[in-house]
Amino acid sequence: MVRLVVGDMPQLFLSGDSGNTWTEISIDQLWDALGDLLAVRGGE
């Protein structure tokens, strides 16, 4: 499950296998990860 919290500092929370643990990811980190994924896929 993914939950997006929008506020002064938008944050994305990803639930762990237990469903009770939330990992905090900043939007900047998310975009960086997406950019890396697209770069890798585009390079193939």
PDB file of N, CA and C in Angstrom:
ATOM      1  N   MET A   1       0.851  -1.189   0.000  1.00  0.00           N
ATOM      2  CA  MET A   1       0.000   0.000   0.000  1.00  0.00           C
ATOM      3  C   MET A   1       0.883   1.234   0.000  1.00  0.00           C
ATOM      4  N   VAL A   2       0.475   2.227  -0.738  1.00  0.00           N
ATOM      5  CA  VAL A   2       1.231   3.473  -0.802  1.00  0.00           C
ATOM      6  C   VAL A   2       0.332   4.609  -0.350  1.00  0.00           C
ATOM      7  N   ARG A   3       0.898   5.485   0.442  1.00  0.00           N
ATOM      8  CA  ARG A   3       0.122   6.610   0.961  1.00  0.00           C
ATOM      9  C   ARG A   3       0.920   7.887   0.745  1.00  0.00           C
ATOM     10  N   LEU A   4       0.330   8.862   0.088  1.00  0.00           N
ATOM     11  CA  LEU A   4       1.017  10.127  -0.182  1.00  0.00           C
ATOM     12  C   LEU A   4       0.474  11.198   0.754  1.00  0.00           C
ATOM     13  N   VAL A   5       1.384  11.843   1.468  1.00  0.00           N
ATOM     14  CA  VAL A   5       0.987  12.898   2.383  1.00  0.00           C
ATOM     15  C   VAL A   5       1.482  14.224   1.808  1.00  0.00           C
ATOM     16  N   VAL A   6       0.559  15.113   1.489  1.00  0.00           N
ATOM     17  CA  VAL A   6       0.933  16.395   0.899  1.00  0.00           C
ATOM     18  C   VAL A   6       0.777  17.499   1.936  1.00  0.00           C
ATOM     19  N   GLY A   7       1.847  18.256   2.094  1.00  0.00           N
ATOM     20  CA  GLY A   7       1.808  19.358   3.049  1.00  0.00           C
ATOM     21  C   GLY A   7       2.937  20.310   2.736  1.00  0.00           C
ATOM     22  N   ASP A   8       3.511  20.923   3.760  1.00  0.00           N
ATOM     23  CA  ASP A   8       4.648  21.813   3.534  1.00  0.00           C
ATOM     24  C   ASP A   8       5.791  21.030   2.898  1.00  0.00           C
ATOM     25  N   MET A   9       5.965  19.791   3.340  1.00  0.00           N
ATOM     26  CA  MET A   9       6.987  18.917   2.771  1.00  0.00           C
ATOM     27  C   MET A   9       6.319  17.604   2.371  1.00  0.00           C
ATOM     28  N   PRO A  10       5.892  17.478   1.095  1.00  0.00           N
ATOM     29  CA  PRO A  10       5.216  16.259   0.641  1.00  0.00           C
ATOM     30  C   PRO A  10       6.069  15.032   0.928  1.00  0.00           C
ATOM     31  N   GLN A  11       5.432  13.963   1.376  1.00  0.00           N
ATOM     32  CA  GLN A  11       6.154  12.750   1.708  1.00  0.00           C
ATOM     33  C   GLN A  11       5.373  11.550   1.222  1.00  0.00           C
ATOM     34  N   LEU A  12       6.094  10.509   0.880  1.00  0.00           N
ATOM     35  CA  LEU A  12       5.459   9.277   0.438  1.00  0.00           C
ATOM     36  C   LEU A  12       5.766   8.207   1.463  1.00  0.00           C
ATOM     37  N   PHE A  13       4.749   7.462   1.869  1.00  0.00           N
ATOM     38  CA  PHE A  13       4.939   6.414   2.854  1.00  0.00           C
ATOM     39  C   PHE A  13       4.644   5.065   2.209  1.00  0.00           C
ATOM     40  N   LEU A  14       5.589   4.142   2.321  1.00  0.00           N
ATOM     41  CA  LEU A  14       5.403   2.802   1.770  1.00  0.00           C
ATOM     42  C   LEU A  14       5.292   1.827   2.927  1.00  0.00           C
ATOM     43  N   SER A  15       4.240   1.002   2.920  1.00  0.00           N
ATOM     44  CA  SER A  15       4.065   0.054   4.002  1.00  0.00           C
ATOM     45  C   SER A  15       4.986  -1.133   3.813  1.00  0.00           C
ATOM     46  N   GLY A  16       5.465  -1.682   4.921  1.00  0.00           N
ATOM     47  CA  GLY A  16       6.325  -2.855   4.870  1.00  0.00           C
ATOM     48  C   GLY A  16       5.489  -4.113   4.764  1.00  0.00           C
ATOM     49  N   ASP A  17       6.156  -5.262   4.835  1.00  0.00           N
ATOM     50  CA  ASP A  17       5.456  -6.533   4.717  1.00  0.00           C
ATOM     51  C   ASP A  17       4.403  -6.687   5.814  1.00  0.00           C
ATOM     52  N   SER A  18       4.696  -6.138   6.987  1.00  0.00           N
ATOM     53  CA  SER A  18       3.770  -6.265   8.111  1.00  0.00           C
ATOM     54  C   SER A  18       2.544  -5.378   7.922  1.00  0.00           C
ATOM     55  N   GLY A  19       2.715  -4.338   7.111  1.00  0.00           N
ATOM     56  CA  GLY A  19       1.607  -3.417   6.887  1.00  0.00           C
ATOM     57  C   GLY A  19       1.485  -2.390   7.995  1.00  0.00           C
ATOM     58  N   ASN A  20       2.297  -2.550   9.038  1.00  0.00           N
ATOM     59  CA  ASN A  20       2.241  -1.619  10.160  1.00  0.00           C
ATOM     60  C   ASN A  20       3.436  -0.673  10.165  1.00  0.00           C
ATOM     61  N   THR A  21       4.460  -1.004   9.391  1.00  0.00           N
ATOM     62  CA  THR A  21       5.665  -0.184   9.372  1.00  0.00           C
ATOM     63  C   THR A  21       5.672   0.690   8.133  1.00  0.00           C
ATOM     64  N   TRP A  22       5.833   1.978   8.347  1.00  0.00           N
ATOM     65  CA  TRP A  22       5.834   2.922   7.221  1.00  0.00           C
ATOM     66  C   TRP A  22       7.231   3.482   7.039  1.00  0.00           C
ATOM     67  N   THR A  23       7.701   3.449   5.808  1.00  0.00           N
ATOM     68  CA  THR A  23       9.009   4.001   5.488  1.00  0.00           C
ATOM     69  C   THR A  23       8.810   5.361   4.843  1.00  0.00           C
ATOM     70  N   GLU A  24       9.458   6.345   5.406  1.00  0.00           N
ATOM     71  CA  GLU A  24       9.285   7.713   4.916  1.00  0.00           C
ATOM     72  C   GLU A  24      10.247   7.991   3.770  1.00  0.00           C
ATOM     73  N   ILE A  25       9.726   8.446   2.664  1.00  0.00           N
ATOM     74  CA  ILE A  25      10.538   8.759   1.492  1.00  0.00           C
ATOM     75  C   ILE A  25      10.173  10.164   1.020  1.00  0.00           C
ATOM     76  N   SER A  26      11.179  10.982   0.846  1.00  0.00           N
ATOM     77  CA  SER A  26      10.905  12.342   0.369  1.00  0.00           C
ATOM     78  C   SER A  26      10.606  12.304  -1.116  1.00  0.00           C
ATOM     79  N   ILE A  27       9.877  13.296  -1.585  1.00  0.00           N
ATOM     80  CA  ILE A  27       9.513  13.360  -3.000  1.00  0.00           C
ATOM     81  C   ILE A  27      10.776  13.462  -3.859  1.00  0.00           C
ATOM     82  N   ASP A  28      11.770  14.202  -3.368  1.00  0.00           N
ATOM     83  CA  ASP A  28      13.024  14.326  -4.124  1.00  0.00           C
ATOM     84  C   ASP A  28      13.670  12.964  -4.307  1.00  0.00           C
ATOM     85  N   GLN A  29      13.684  12.160  -3.240  1.00  0.00           N
ATOM     86  CA  GLN A  29      14.267  10.824  -3.331  1.00  0.00           C
ATOM     87  C   GLN A  29      13.474   9.964  -4.301  1.00  0.00           C
ATOM     88  N   LEU A  30      12.153  10.129  -4.281  1.00  0.00           N
ATOM     89  CA  LEU A  30      11.291   9.347  -5.167  1.00  0.00           C
ATOM     90  C   LEU A  30      11.590   9.684  -6.620  1.00  0.00           C
ATOM     91  N   TRP A  31      11.684  10.981  -6.929  1.00  0.00           N
ATOM     92  CA  TRP A  31      11.960  11.400  -8.309  1.00  0.00           C
ATOM     93  C   TRP A  31      13.339  10.941  -8.741  1.00  0.00           C
ATOM     94  N   ASP A  32      14.306  10.991  -7.813  1.00  0.00           N
ATOM     95  CA  ASP A  32      15.653  10.526  -8.145  1.00  0.00           C
ATOM     96  C   ASP A  32      15.611   9.048  -8.514  1.00  0.00           C
ATOM     97  N   ALA A  33      14.871   8.262  -7.736  1.00  0.00           N
ATOM     98  CA  ALA A  33      14.763   6.830  -7.990  1.00  0.00           C
ATOM     99  C   ALA A  33      14.067   6.576  -9.324  1.00  0.00           C
ATOM    100  N   LEU A  34      12.991   7.316  -9.594  1.00  0.00           N
ATOM    101  CA  LEU A  34      12.274   7.158 -10.858  1.00  0.00           C
ATOM    102  C   LEU A  34      13.163   7.539 -12.038  1.00  0.00           C
ATOM    103  N   GLY A  35      13.925   8.607 -11.859  1.00  0.00           N
ATOM    104  CA  GLY A  35      14.832   9.052 -12.912  1.00  0.00           C
ATOM    105  C   GLY A  35      15.868   7.971 -13.212  1.00  0.00           C
ATOM    106  N   ASP A  36      16.384   7.339 -12.158  1.00  0.00           N
ATOM    107  CA  ASP A  36      17.363   6.271 -12.341  1.00  0.00           C
ATOM    108  C   ASP A  36      16.732   5.104 -13.078  1.00  0.00           C
ATOM    109  N   LEU A  37      15.516   4.752 -12.703  1.00  0.00           N
ATOM    110  CA  LEU A  37      14.831   3.634 -13.355  1.00  0.00           C
ATOM    111  C   LEU A  37      14.623   3.923 -14.838  1.00  0.00           C
ATOM    112  N   LEU A  38      14.163   5.133 -15.141  1.00  0.00           N
ATOM    113  CA  LEU A  38      13.910   5.501 -16.536  1.00  0.00           C
ATOM    114  C   LEU A  38      15.213   5.539 -17.327  1.00  0.00           C
ATOM    115  N   ALA A  39      16.277   6.003 -16.688  1.00  0.00           N
ATOM    116  CA  ALA A  39      17.568   6.083 -17.372  1.00  0.00           C
ATOM    117  C   ALA A  39      18.069   4.682 -17.706  1.00  0.00           C
ATOM    118  N   VAL A  40      17.903   3.770 -16.765  1.00  0.00           N
ATOM    119  CA  VAL A  40      18.358   2.387 -16.976  1.00  0.00           C
ATOM    120  C   VAL A  40      17.522   1.732 -18.071  1.00  0.00           C
ATOM    121  N   ARG A  41      16.205   1.902 -17.990  1.00  0.00           N
ATOM    122  CA  ARG A  41      15.319   1.276 -18.985  1.00  0.00           C
ATOM    123  C   ARG A  41      15.524   1.897 -20.358  1.00  0.00           C
ATOM    124  N   GLY A  42      15.756   3.210 -20.391  1.00  0.00           N
ATOM    125  CA  GLY A  42      15.938   3.877 -21.670  1.00  0.00           C
ATOM    126  C   GLY A  42      17.274   3.521 -22.313  1.00  0.00           C
ATOM    127  N   GLY A  43      18.232   3.101 -21.485  1.00  0.00           N
ATOM    128  CA  GLY A  43      19.553   2.784 -22.015  1.00  0.00           C
ATOM    129  C   GLY A  43      19.641   1.388 -22.612  1.00  0.00           C
ATOM    130  N   GLU A  44      18.614   0.569 -22.375  1.00  0.00           N
ATOM    131  CA  GLU A  44      18.672  -0.811 -22.879  1.00  0.00           C
ATOM    132  C   GLU A  44      18.315  -0.881 -24.355  1.00  0.00           C
TER     133      GLU A  44
END
